[in-house]
Amino acid sequence: MPAQTLSVPWAMSSAVQVRRTLVSELRALEVNDTVVDEAEIVISELVANAIRHAQPLPDGMIRVNWAVNDGVVEVSVTDGGGPTTPAPAPTSPWSANGRGLRIVRSLAHEWGVKDDVDSCTVWVSLGGPSLRSVP
């Protein structure tokens, strides 16, 4: 499947749109149900984090990409960057927040962050290794 790109407004309501679109596409491609469920959780966390902790891209949007190759789903969210590089928060039993990237990390086969001058992309590979790691 060729990569799909969706540009959505930098607004929390975009998380619902992105999640529904991604899940629908993955089900149509008959991706393994477990990977679809993982992708649904991961994309929700990444979009929410982009809106909570970063700025929009110069056009006021965030960009979501996904591709499927032999059952492996790779998703990424690009925003305008924030004051820090995305990283899992330290474990705290008392905090009501800060578990998102730890959840992403636990579901991902691989994940990473690509910081550029005007943007930040968090990418996740589900169901197998990322094409990014293939030479």
Protein backbone atom coordinates (compact mmCIF):
# COMPACT_ATOMS: atom_id res chain seq x y z
CA MET A 1 0.00 0.00 0.00
CA PRO A 2 1.39 3.43 -0.81
CA ALA A 3 1.83 5.76 2.13
CA GLN A 4 -1.20 7.79 3.11
CA THR A 5 -1.00 11.34 4.43
CA LEU A 6 -3.66 13.24 6.29
CA SER A 7 -3.26 16.89 7.33
CA VAL A 8 -5.59 17.85 10.15
CA PRO A 9 -6.12 20.99 12.22
CA TRP A 10 -4.06 21.38 15.37
CA ALA A 11 -7.09 20.67 17.57
CA MET A 12 -7.95 17.85 19.96
CA SER A 13 -11.01 16.98 17.85
CA SER A 14 -8.62 15.89 15.09
CA ALA A 15 -7.62 12.84 17.11
CA VAL A 16 -11.05 11.28 16.56
CA GLN A 17 -10.97 11.91 12.80
CA VAL A 18 -7.47 10.50 12.43
CA ARG A 19 -8.22 7.44 14.54
CA ARG A 20 -11.40 6.59 12.62
CA THR A 21 -9.75 7.07 9.23
CA LEU A 22 -6.70 4.98 10.11
CA VAL A 23 -8.71 2.12 11.62
CA SER A 24 -11.06 2.07 8.63
CA GLU A 25 -8.14 1.93 6.17
CA LEU A 26 -6.35 -0.82 8.11
CA ARG A 27 -9.48 -2.95 8.36
CA ALA A 28 -10.11 -2.54 4.62
CA LEU A 29 -6.57 -3.83 4.04
CA GLU A 30 -7.31 -6.80 6.33
CA VAL A 31 -4.48 -5.96 8.72
CA ASN A 32 -4.29 -8.26 11.75
CA ASP A 33 -6.88 -7.18 14.37
CA THR A 34 -4.26 -6.92 17.12
CA VAL A 35 -2.14 -4.57 15.01
CA VAL A 36 -5.24 -2.49 14.16
CA ASP A 37 -6.07 -2.19 17.87
CA GLU A 38 -2.49 -1.18 18.67
CA ALA A 39 -2.48 1.37 15.84
CA GLU A 40 -5.71 2.88 17.16
CA ILE A 41 -4.19 3.42 20.61
CA VAL A 42 -0.85 4.65 19.28
CA ILE A 43 -2.26 7.17 16.81
CA SER A 44 -4.59 8.57 19.47
CA GLU A 45 -1.65 9.09 21.84
CA LEU A 46 0.61 10.63 19.19
CA VAL A 47 -1.99 13.10 17.94
CA ALA A 48 -2.99 14.07 21.48
CA ASN A 49 0.66 14.58 22.43
CA ALA A 50 1.28 16.74 19.35
CA ILE A 51 -1.61 18.98 20.35
CA ARG A 52 -0.80 19.10 24.08
CA HIS A 53 2.96 19.48 23.95
CA ALA A 54 3.90 20.98 20.59
CA GLN A 55 3.01 23.70 18.15
CA PRO A 56 1.28 23.26 14.80
CA LEU A 57 3.18 23.26 11.55
CA PRO A 58 3.37 26.71 9.88
CA ASP A 59 0.04 26.06 8.11
CA GLY A 60 -1.73 25.47 11.46
CA MET A 61 -1.97 21.73 10.88
CA ILE A 62 -0.36 18.49 11.99
CA ARG A 63 0.51 15.80 9.47
CA VAL A 64 -0.24 12.11 9.99
CA ASN A 65 1.27 9.44 7.74
CA TRP A 66 0.84 5.69 7.61
CA ALA A 67 1.89 2.82 5.42
CA VAL A 68 1.33 -0.93 5.48
CA ASN A 69 3.87 -3.41 4.17
CA ASP A 70 3.40 -7.18 4.68
CA GLY A 71 1.24 -6.63 7.76
CA VAL A 72 3.63 -4.13 9.34
CA VAL A 73 2.01 -0.77 10.00
CA GLU A 74 4.14 2.33 10.34
CA VAL A 75 2.50 5.53 11.54
CA SER A 76 4.00 8.95 12.14
CA VAL A 77 2.80 12.32 13.38
CA THR A 78 4.58 15.53 12.44
CA ASP A 79 4.01 18.78 14.31
CA GLY A 80 5.78 22.11 14.62
CA GLY A 81 7.93 20.95 17.53
CA GLY A 82 7.88 21.88 21.17
CA PRO A 83 10.19 22.98 23.94
CA THR A 84 11.54 19.43 24.46
CA THR A 85 12.10 16.29 22.42
CA PRO A 86 9.32 13.73 22.96
CA ALA A 87 10.34 11.04 25.47
CA PRO A 88 8.48 8.74 27.85
CA ALA A 89 7.86 10.40 31.20
CA PRO A 90 9.40 8.87 34.31
CA THR A 91 7.19 6.36 36.10
CA SER A 92 5.08 8.00 38.78
CA PRO A 93 2.23 6.19 40.53
CA TRP A 94 0.72 9.53 41.62
CA SER A 95 0.67 11.35 38.29
CA ALA A 96 -2.58 11.47 36.33
CA ASN A 97 -0.64 12.23 33.12
CA GLY A 98 2.56 11.21 31.39
CA ARG A 99 1.85 7.63 30.40
CA GLY A 100 1.23 8.16 26.68
CA LEU A 101 4.69 7.53 25.25
CA ARG A 102 5.27 4.68 27.70
CA ILE A 103 2.10 3.07 26.30
CA VAL A 104 3.33 3.75 22.74
CA ARG A 105 6.73 2.24 23.58
CA SER A 106 5.11 -0.88 25.06
CA LEU A 107 3.02 -1.51 21.92
CA ALA A 108 5.63 -0.59 19.31
CA HIS A 109 7.99 -3.00 17.63
CA GLU A 110 10.15 0.10 17.11
CA TRP A 111 9.64 3.82 17.54
CA GLY A 112 11.65 7.00 17.25
CA VAL A 113 11.75 10.76 17.02
CA LYS A 114 13.11 12.89 14.20
CA ASP A 115 13.62 16.50 15.23
CA ASP A 116 14.12 19.04 12.46
CA VAL A 117 14.49 22.81 12.61
CA ASP A 118 10.78 23.55 12.07
CA SER A 119 9.14 20.20 12.84
CA CYS A 120 9.19 17.08 14.95
CA THR A 121 8.08 13.64 13.80
CA VAL A 122 7.33 10.72 16.09
CA TRP A 123 7.13 7.43 14.22
CA VAL A 124 6.06 3.96 15.32
CA SER A 125 6.28 0.54 13.69
CA LEU A 126 3.64 -2.01 14.73
CA GLY A 127 3.55 -5.72 13.93
CA GLY A 128 7.19 -5.95 12.89
CA PRO A 129 10.35 -4.00 12.14
CA SER A 130 10.24 -0.61 10.50
CA LEU A 131 11.28 -0.09 6.92
CA ARG A 132 13.44 2.70 8.37
CA SER A 133 15.79 0.08 9.82
CA VAL A 134 16.25 -1.78 6.53
CA PRO A 135 19.42 -0.65 4.70
